[in-house]
Amino acid sequence: MSGTAPRVQTDIELVQDVLDGHEESFAVLVERYQKGLVNYIYHMVRQYDEALELSQEVFLKVYTGLRRYDRHYKFSTWLYKIASNHTIDYLRRQHISTTSIDAAGDDPDQPDIPLPSPEQGPHDALQMKALFQDTLDAIQSLPESYRELIILRHFSFRSYEEMAKITGLPIGTVKNRIFRARRLLMETLEESR
């Protein structure tokens, strides 16, 4: 019995397989990214059914545009860029209102909201759950451009460089908006207490 596991194909290899006519390789890419993509879109639109539908539309766009994929970039960055644009277009069609923000700042790495510890008692866990829900609500109230960056950073775990490529913004703008969004979130959460 040999102990070697089969080699997992890279995204670029799978893309090339699809372009070479092996369409079943696209199913591997979908399986690899579907959960994260649905999660990302869900945090943008806050409706699970819409997130599922939008993710399917994104994968269709990716499939039909696969020949335009630039292999100098990570496939996931390209995928999330398409998802970002598609979701923003969807939100604009929904006429979701946003609010303006005037706060400015320099430090994009303010401390994040703490997650509940397994050692917490039921009361603490309930308080953390309420704080988490308040945080999700506060994220939804952010202007669209800030909300997208917060979701990319804290729910999809994208680097600043990836976020800049996905949104088409300079990295300095990404960091500044993340800082402003975090500040606005903290202010909103303090007001709700």
C-alpha atoms as a PDB file:
ATOM      1  CA  MET A   1       0.000   0.000   0.000  1.00  0.00           C
ATOM      2  CA  SER A   2       1.559   3.273  -1.028  1.00  0.00           C
ATOM      3  CA  GLY A   3       1.167   6.233   1.310  1.00  0.00           C
ATOM      4  CA  THR A   4       1.264   8.948  -1.316  1.00  0.00           C
ATOM      5  CA  ALA A   5      -1.810  11.093  -1.676  1.00  0.00           C
ATOM      6  CA  PRO A   6      -2.836  12.279  -5.137  1.00  0.00           C
ATOM      7  CA  ARG A   7      -1.404  15.677  -6.058  1.00  0.00           C
ATOM      8  CA  VAL A   8      -3.893  18.528  -5.839  1.00  0.00           C
ATOM      9  CA  GLN A   9      -3.993  20.624  -8.990  1.00  0.00           C
ATOM     10  CA  THR A  10      -3.320  24.331  -8.686  1.00  0.00           C
ATOM     11  CA  ASP A  11      -5.942  26.849  -9.742  1.00  0.00           C
ATOM     12  CA  ILE A  12      -3.918  27.728 -12.835  1.00  0.00           C
ATOM     13  CA  GLU A  13      -3.684  24.060 -13.832  1.00  0.00           C
ATOM     14  CA  LEU A  14      -7.440  23.688 -13.425  1.00  0.00           C
ATOM     15  CA  VAL A  15      -8.062  26.819 -15.507  1.00  0.00           C
ATOM     16  CA  GLN A  16      -5.816  25.426 -18.242  1.00  0.00           C
ATOM     17  CA  ASP A  17      -7.698  22.099 -18.104  1.00  0.00           C
ATOM     18  CA  VAL A  18     -10.986  23.940 -18.627  1.00  0.00           C
ATOM     19  CA  LEU A  19      -9.522  25.922 -21.519  1.00  0.00           C
ATOM     20  CA  ASP A  20      -8.266  22.637 -23.008  1.00  0.00           C
ATOM     21  CA  GLY A  21     -11.840  21.325 -23.048  1.00  0.00           C
ATOM     22  CA  HIS A  22     -11.993  19.451 -19.725  1.00  0.00           C
ATOM     23  CA  GLU A  23     -15.057  21.263 -18.398  1.00  0.00           C
ATOM     24  CA  GLU A  24     -15.273  18.995 -15.340  1.00  0.00           C
ATOM     25  CA  SER A  25     -12.211  20.811 -13.961  1.00  0.00           C
ATOM     26  CA  PHE A  26     -14.342  23.913 -13.539  1.00  0.00           C
ATOM     27  CA  ALA A  27     -16.466  21.975 -11.021  1.00  0.00           C
ATOM     28  CA  VAL A  28     -13.311  21.563  -8.912  1.00  0.00           C
ATOM     29  CA  LEU A  29     -12.779  25.341  -8.941  1.00  0.00           C
ATOM     30  CA  VAL A  30     -16.414  25.926  -7.993  1.00  0.00           C
ATOM     31  CA  GLU A  31     -16.160  23.422  -5.142  1.00  0.00           C
ATOM     32  CA  ARG A  32     -12.912  25.022  -3.971  1.00  0.00           C
ATOM     33  CA  TYR A  33     -14.308  28.578  -3.817  1.00  0.00           C
ATOM     34  CA  GLN A  34     -18.090  28.350  -3.526  1.00  0.00           C
ATOM     35  CA  LYS A  35     -18.409  28.407   0.265  1.00  0.00           C
ATOM     36  CA  GLY A  36     -16.085  31.398   0.704  1.00  0.00           C
ATOM     37  CA  LEU A  37     -17.668  33.270  -2.189  1.00  0.00           C
ATOM     38  CA  VAL A  38     -21.220  32.743  -0.924  1.00  0.00           C
ATOM     39  CA  ASN A  39     -20.074  33.866   2.539  1.00  0.00           C
ATOM     40  CA  TYR A  40     -18.472  37.009   1.090  1.00  0.00           C
ATOM     41  CA  ILE A  41     -21.545  37.896  -0.970  1.00  0.00           C
ATOM     42  CA  TYR A  42     -23.906  37.090   1.906  1.00  0.00           C
ATOM     43  CA  HIS A  43     -22.162  39.622   4.126  1.00  0.00           C
ATOM     44  CA  MET A  44     -22.636  42.192   1.380  1.00  0.00           C
ATOM     45  CA  VAL A  45     -26.338  41.539   0.661  1.00  0.00           C
ATOM     46  CA  ARG A  46     -27.504  39.934   3.959  1.00  0.00           C
ATOM     47  CA  GLN A  47     -29.853  37.518   2.155  1.00  0.00           C
ATOM     48  CA  TYR A  48     -28.717  33.923   1.825  1.00  0.00           C
ATOM     49  CA  ASP A  49     -30.849  33.052  -1.215  1.00  0.00           C
ATOM     50  CA  GLU A  50     -29.623  36.162  -3.022  1.00  0.00           C
ATOM     51  CA  ALA A  51     -26.026  35.311  -2.094  1.00  0.00           C
ATOM     52  CA  LEU A  52     -26.430  31.828  -3.579  1.00  0.00           C
ATOM     53  CA  GLU A  53     -27.947  33.188  -6.769  1.00  0.00           C
ATOM     54  CA  LEU A  54     -25.339  35.920  -7.101  1.00  0.00           C
ATOM     55  CA  SER A  55     -22.519  33.423  -6.552  1.00  0.00           C
ATOM     56  CA  GLN A  56     -23.909  31.238  -9.354  1.00  0.00           C
ATOM     57  CA  GLU A  57     -24.012  34.290 -11.619  1.00  0.00           C
ATOM     58  CA  VAL A  58     -20.410  35.082 -10.661  1.00  0.00           C
ATOM     59  CA  PHE A  59     -19.261  31.563 -11.494  1.00  0.00           C
ATOM     60  CA  LEU A  60     -21.055  31.810 -14.842  1.00  0.00           C
ATOM     61  CA  LYS A  61     -19.239  35.094 -15.563  1.00  0.00           C
ATOM     62  CA  VAL A  62     -15.950  33.501 -14.530  1.00  0.00           C
ATOM     63  CA  TYR A  63     -16.560  30.487 -16.762  1.00  0.00           C
ATOM     64  CA  THR A  64     -17.485  32.543 -19.809  1.00  0.00           C
ATOM     65  CA  GLY A  65     -14.577  34.942 -19.213  1.00  0.00           C
ATOM     66  CA  LEU A  66     -11.933  32.356 -18.359  1.00  0.00           C
ATOM     67  CA  ARG A  67      -9.874  33.172 -21.465  1.00  0.00           C
ATOM     68  CA  ARG A  68      -9.399  36.722 -20.097  1.00  0.00           C
ATOM     69  CA  TYR A  69      -7.899  35.489 -16.812  1.00  0.00           C
ATOM     70  CA  ASP A  70      -4.377  36.918 -16.363  1.00  0.00           C
ATOM     71  CA  ARG A  71      -2.185  34.228 -14.814  1.00  0.00           C
ATOM     72  CA  HIS A  72       0.060  36.837 -13.241  1.00  0.00           C
ATOM     73  CA  TYR A  73      -2.614  37.233 -10.560  1.00  0.00           C
ATOM     74  CA  LYS A  74      -4.030  34.703  -8.163  1.00  0.00           C
ATOM     75  CA  PHE A  75      -7.206  33.086  -9.469  1.00  0.00           C
ATOM     76  CA  SER A  76      -8.961  33.851  -6.170  1.00  0.00           C
ATOM     77  CA  THR A  77      -8.171  37.565  -6.539  1.00  0.00           C
ATOM     78  CA  TRP A  78      -9.655  37.588 -10.046  1.00  0.00           C
ATOM     79  CA  LEU A  79     -12.704  35.636  -8.850  1.00  0.00           C
ATOM     80  CA  TYR A  80     -13.332  38.016  -5.938  1.00  0.00           C
ATOM     81  CA  LYS A  81     -12.862  41.041  -8.218  1.00  0.00           C
ATOM     82  CA  ILE A  82     -15.651  39.723 -10.450  1.00  0.00           C
ATOM     83  CA  ALA A  83     -17.773  38.929  -7.379  1.00  0.00           C
ATOM     84  CA  SER A  84     -17.163  42.399  -5.967  1.00  0.00           C
ATOM     85  CA  ASN A  85     -18.191  44.140  -9.176  1.00  0.00           C
ATOM     86  CA  HIS A  86     -21.227  41.912  -9.683  1.00  0.00           C
ATOM     87  CA  THR A  87     -22.432  42.325  -6.088  1.00  0.00           C
ATOM     88  CA  ILE A  88     -21.937  46.090  -6.150  1.00  0.00           C
ATOM     89  CA  ASP A  89     -23.925  46.268  -9.403  1.00  0.00           C
ATOM     90  CA  TYR A  90     -26.675  44.231  -7.740  1.00  0.00           C
ATOM     91  CA  LEU A  91     -26.699  46.505  -4.673  1.00  0.00           C
ATOM     92  CA  ARG A  92     -26.866  49.607  -6.858  1.00  0.00           C
ATOM     93  CA  ARG A  93     -29.873  48.175  -8.668  1.00  0.00           C
ATOM     94  CA  GLN A  94     -31.506  47.673  -5.259  1.00  0.00           C
ATOM     95  CA  HIS A  95     -31.007  51.401  -4.451  1.00  0.00           C
ATOM     96  CA  ILE A  96     -29.633  50.699  -0.996  1.00  0.00           C
ATOM     97  CA  SER A  97     -28.975  53.978   0.756  1.00  0.00           C
ATOM     98  CA  THR A  98     -25.610  54.774   2.283  1.00  0.00           C
ATOM     99  CA  THR A  99     -24.359  57.441   4.638  1.00  0.00           C
ATOM    100  CA  SER A 100     -21.400  59.762   4.321  1.00  0.00           C
ATOM    101  CA  ILE A 101     -18.383  59.675   6.631  1.00  0.00           C
ATOM    102  CA  ASP A 102     -15.981  62.512   7.368  1.00  0.00           C
ATOM    103  CA  ALA A 103     -13.656  60.843   9.876  1.00  0.00           C
ATOM    104  CA  ALA A 104     -10.041  60.381   8.811  1.00  0.00           C
ATOM    105  CA  GLY A 105      -7.231  58.296  10.260  1.00  0.00           C
ATOM    106  CA  ASP A 106      -3.852  56.743   9.721  1.00  0.00           C
ATOM    107  CA  ASP A 107      -3.829  53.344  11.434  1.00  0.00           C
ATOM    108  CA  PRO A 108      -5.658  50.573   9.528  1.00  0.00           C
ATOM    109  CA  ASP A 109      -4.746  47.990  12.162  1.00  0.00           C
ATOM    110  CA  GLN A 110      -6.923  48.964  15.101  1.00  0.00           C
ATOM    111  CA  PRO A 111      -7.760  45.986  17.330  1.00  0.00           C
ATOM    112  CA  ASP A 112     -10.576  43.800  16.057  1.00  0.00           C
ATOM    113  CA  ILE A 113     -13.713  42.852  17.955  1.00  0.00           C
ATOM    114  CA  PRO A 114     -12.907  39.928  20.277  1.00  0.00           C
ATOM    115  CA  LEU A 115     -14.434  36.540  19.585  1.00  0.00           C
ATOM    116  CA  PRO A 116     -16.026  34.525  22.378  1.00  0.00           C
ATOM    117  CA  SER A 117     -13.738  32.221  24.318  1.00  0.00           C
ATOM    118  CA  PRO A 118     -14.819  28.632  25.036  1.00  0.00           C
ATOM    119  CA  GLU A 119     -14.141  29.332  28.733  1.00  0.00           C
ATOM    120  CA  GLN A 120     -16.847  31.999  28.896  1.00  0.00           C
ATOM    121  CA  GLY A 121     -19.963  31.377  30.879  1.00  0.00           C
ATOM    122  CA  PRO A 122     -23.462  31.498  29.387  1.00  0.00           C
ATOM    123  CA  HIS A 123     -23.977  35.155  30.307  1.00  0.00           C
ATOM    124  CA  ASP A 124     -20.700  36.180  28.669  1.00  0.00           C
ATOM    125  CA  ALA A 125     -21.486  34.061  25.615  1.00  0.00           C
ATOM    126  CA  LEU A 126     -24.894  35.707  25.305  1.00  0.00           C
ATOM    127  CA  GLN A 127     -23.322  39.157  25.552  1.00  0.00           C
ATOM    128  CA  MET A 128     -20.761  38.250  22.885  1.00  0.00           C
ATOM    129  CA  LYS A 129     -23.507  36.909  20.622  1.00  0.00           C
ATOM    130  CA  ALA A 130     -25.426  40.175  21.027  1.00  0.00           C
ATOM    131  CA  LEU A 131     -22.232  42.163  20.329  1.00  0.00           C
ATOM    132  CA  PHE A 132     -21.585  40.069  17.226  1.00  0.00           C
ATOM    133  CA  GLN A 133     -25.131  40.697  15.966  1.00  0.00           C
ATOM    134  CA  ASP A 134     -24.788  44.409  16.730  1.00  0.00           C
ATOM    135  CA  THR A 135     -21.502  44.357  14.808  1.00  0.00           C
ATOM    136  CA  LEU A 136     -23.122  42.679  11.796  1.00  0.00           C
ATOM    137  CA  ASP A 137     -25.902  45.270  11.885  1.00  0.00           C
ATOM    138  CA  ALA A 138     -23.336  48.074  12.143  1.00  0.00           C
ATOM    139  CA  ILE A 139     -21.426  46.625   9.167  1.00  0.00           C
ATOM    140  CA  GLN A 140     -24.648  46.671   7.145  1.00  0.00           C
ATOM    141  CA  SER A 141     -25.109  50.357   7.965  1.00  0.00           C
ATOM    142  CA  LEU A 142     -21.668  51.259   6.577  1.00  0.00           C
ATOM    143  CA  PRO A 143     -21.396  52.980   3.212  1.00  0.00           C
ATOM    144  CA  GLU A 144     -21.069  50.365   0.465  1.00  0.00           C
ATOM    145  CA  SER A 145     -17.386  51.066  -0.240  1.00  0.00           C
ATOM    146  CA  TYR A 146     -16.449  50.622   3.449  1.00  0.00           C
ATOM    147  CA  ARG A 147     -18.712  47.611   3.975  1.00  0.00           C
ATOM    148  CA  GLU A 148     -17.113  45.743   1.073  1.00  0.00           C
ATOM    149  CA  LEU A 149     -13.594  46.282   2.429  1.00  0.00           C
ATOM    150  CA  ILE A 150     -14.533  45.217   5.967  1.00  0.00           C
ATOM    151  CA  ILE A 151     -16.094  42.041   4.567  1.00  0.00           C
ATOM    152  CA  LEU A 152     -13.095  41.296   2.354  1.00  0.00           C
ATOM    153  CA  ARG A 153     -10.701  41.804   5.282  1.00  0.00           C
ATOM    154  CA  HIS A 154     -12.542  40.224   8.197  1.00  0.00           C
ATOM    155  CA  PHE A 155     -14.873  37.666   6.633  1.00  0.00           C
ATOM    156  CA  SER A 156     -12.954  36.624   3.512  1.00  0.00           C
ATOM    157  CA  PHE A 157      -9.503  37.170   5.101  1.00  0.00           C
ATOM    158  CA  ARG A 158      -7.981  38.970   2.110  1.00  0.00           C
ATOM    159  CA  SER A 159      -4.671  40.836   2.335  1.00  0.00           C
ATOM    160  CA  TYR A 160      -4.510  44.569   1.684  1.00  0.00           C
ATOM    161  CA  GLU A 161      -2.786  43.837  -1.634  1.00  0.00           C
ATOM    162  CA  GLU A 162      -5.578  41.463  -2.707  1.00  0.00           C
ATOM    163  CA  MET A 163      -8.221  43.944  -1.568  1.00  0.00           C
ATOM    164  CA  ALA A 164      -6.581  46.660  -3.682  1.00  0.00           C
ATOM    165  CA  LYS A 165      -6.613  44.394  -6.750  1.00  0.00           C
ATOM    166  CA  ILE A 166     -10.202  43.272  -6.142  1.00  0.00           C
ATOM    167  CA  THR A 167     -11.556  46.789  -5.698  1.00  0.00           C
ATOM    168  CA  GLY A 168      -9.208  48.564  -8.103  1.00  0.00           C
ATOM    169  CA  LEU A 169      -8.251  51.030  -5.361  1.00  0.00           C
ATOM    170  CA  PRO A 170      -4.726  52.094  -4.405  1.00  0.00           C
ATOM    171  CA  ILE A 171      -3.480  50.209  -1.348  1.00  0.00           C
ATOM    172  CA  GLY A 172      -3.243  53.455   0.653  1.00  0.00           C
ATOM    173  CA  THR A 173      -6.920  54.150  -0.038  1.00  0.00           C
ATOM    174  CA  VAL A 174      -7.813  50.605   1.035  1.00  0.00           C
ATOM    175  CA  LYS A 175      -5.946  51.010   4.348  1.00  0.00           C
ATOM    176  CA  ASN A 176      -7.459  54.448   4.945  1.00  0.00           C
ATOM    177  CA  ARG A 177     -11.007  53.235   4.254  1.00  0.00           C
ATOM    178  CA  ILE A 178     -10.518  50.190   6.490  1.00  0.00           C
ATOM    179  CA  PHE A 179      -9.413  52.518   9.280  1.00  0.00           C
ATOM    180  CA  ARG A 180     -12.372  54.842   8.719  1.00  0.00           C
ATOM    181  CA  ALA A 181     -14.794  51.931   8.552  1.00  0.00           C
ATOM    182  CA  ARG A 182     -13.458  50.497  11.816  1.00  0.00           C
ATOM    183  CA  ARG A 183     -13.743  53.892  13.479  1.00  0.00           C
ATOM    184  CA  LEU A 184     -17.325  54.283  12.255  1.00  0.00           C
ATOM    185  CA  LEU A 185     -18.145  50.752  13.449  1.00  0.00           C
ATOM    186  CA  MET A 186     -16.761  51.514  16.923  1.00  0.00           C
ATOM    187  CA  GLU A 187     -18.763  54.756  17.099  1.00  0.00           C
ATOM    188  CA  THR A 188     -21.930  52.964  15.986  1.00  0.00           C
ATOM    189  CA  LEU A 189     -21.404  50.192  18.529  1.00  0.00           C
ATOM    190  CA  GLU A 190     -20.732  52.692  21.338  1.00  0.00           C
ATOM    191  CA  GLU A 191     -23.933  54.563  20.471  1.00  0.00           C
ATOM    192  CA  SER A 192     -25.966  51.350  20.601  1.00  0.00           C
ATOM    193  CA  ARG A 193     -24.877  50.570  24.174  1.00  0.00           C
END
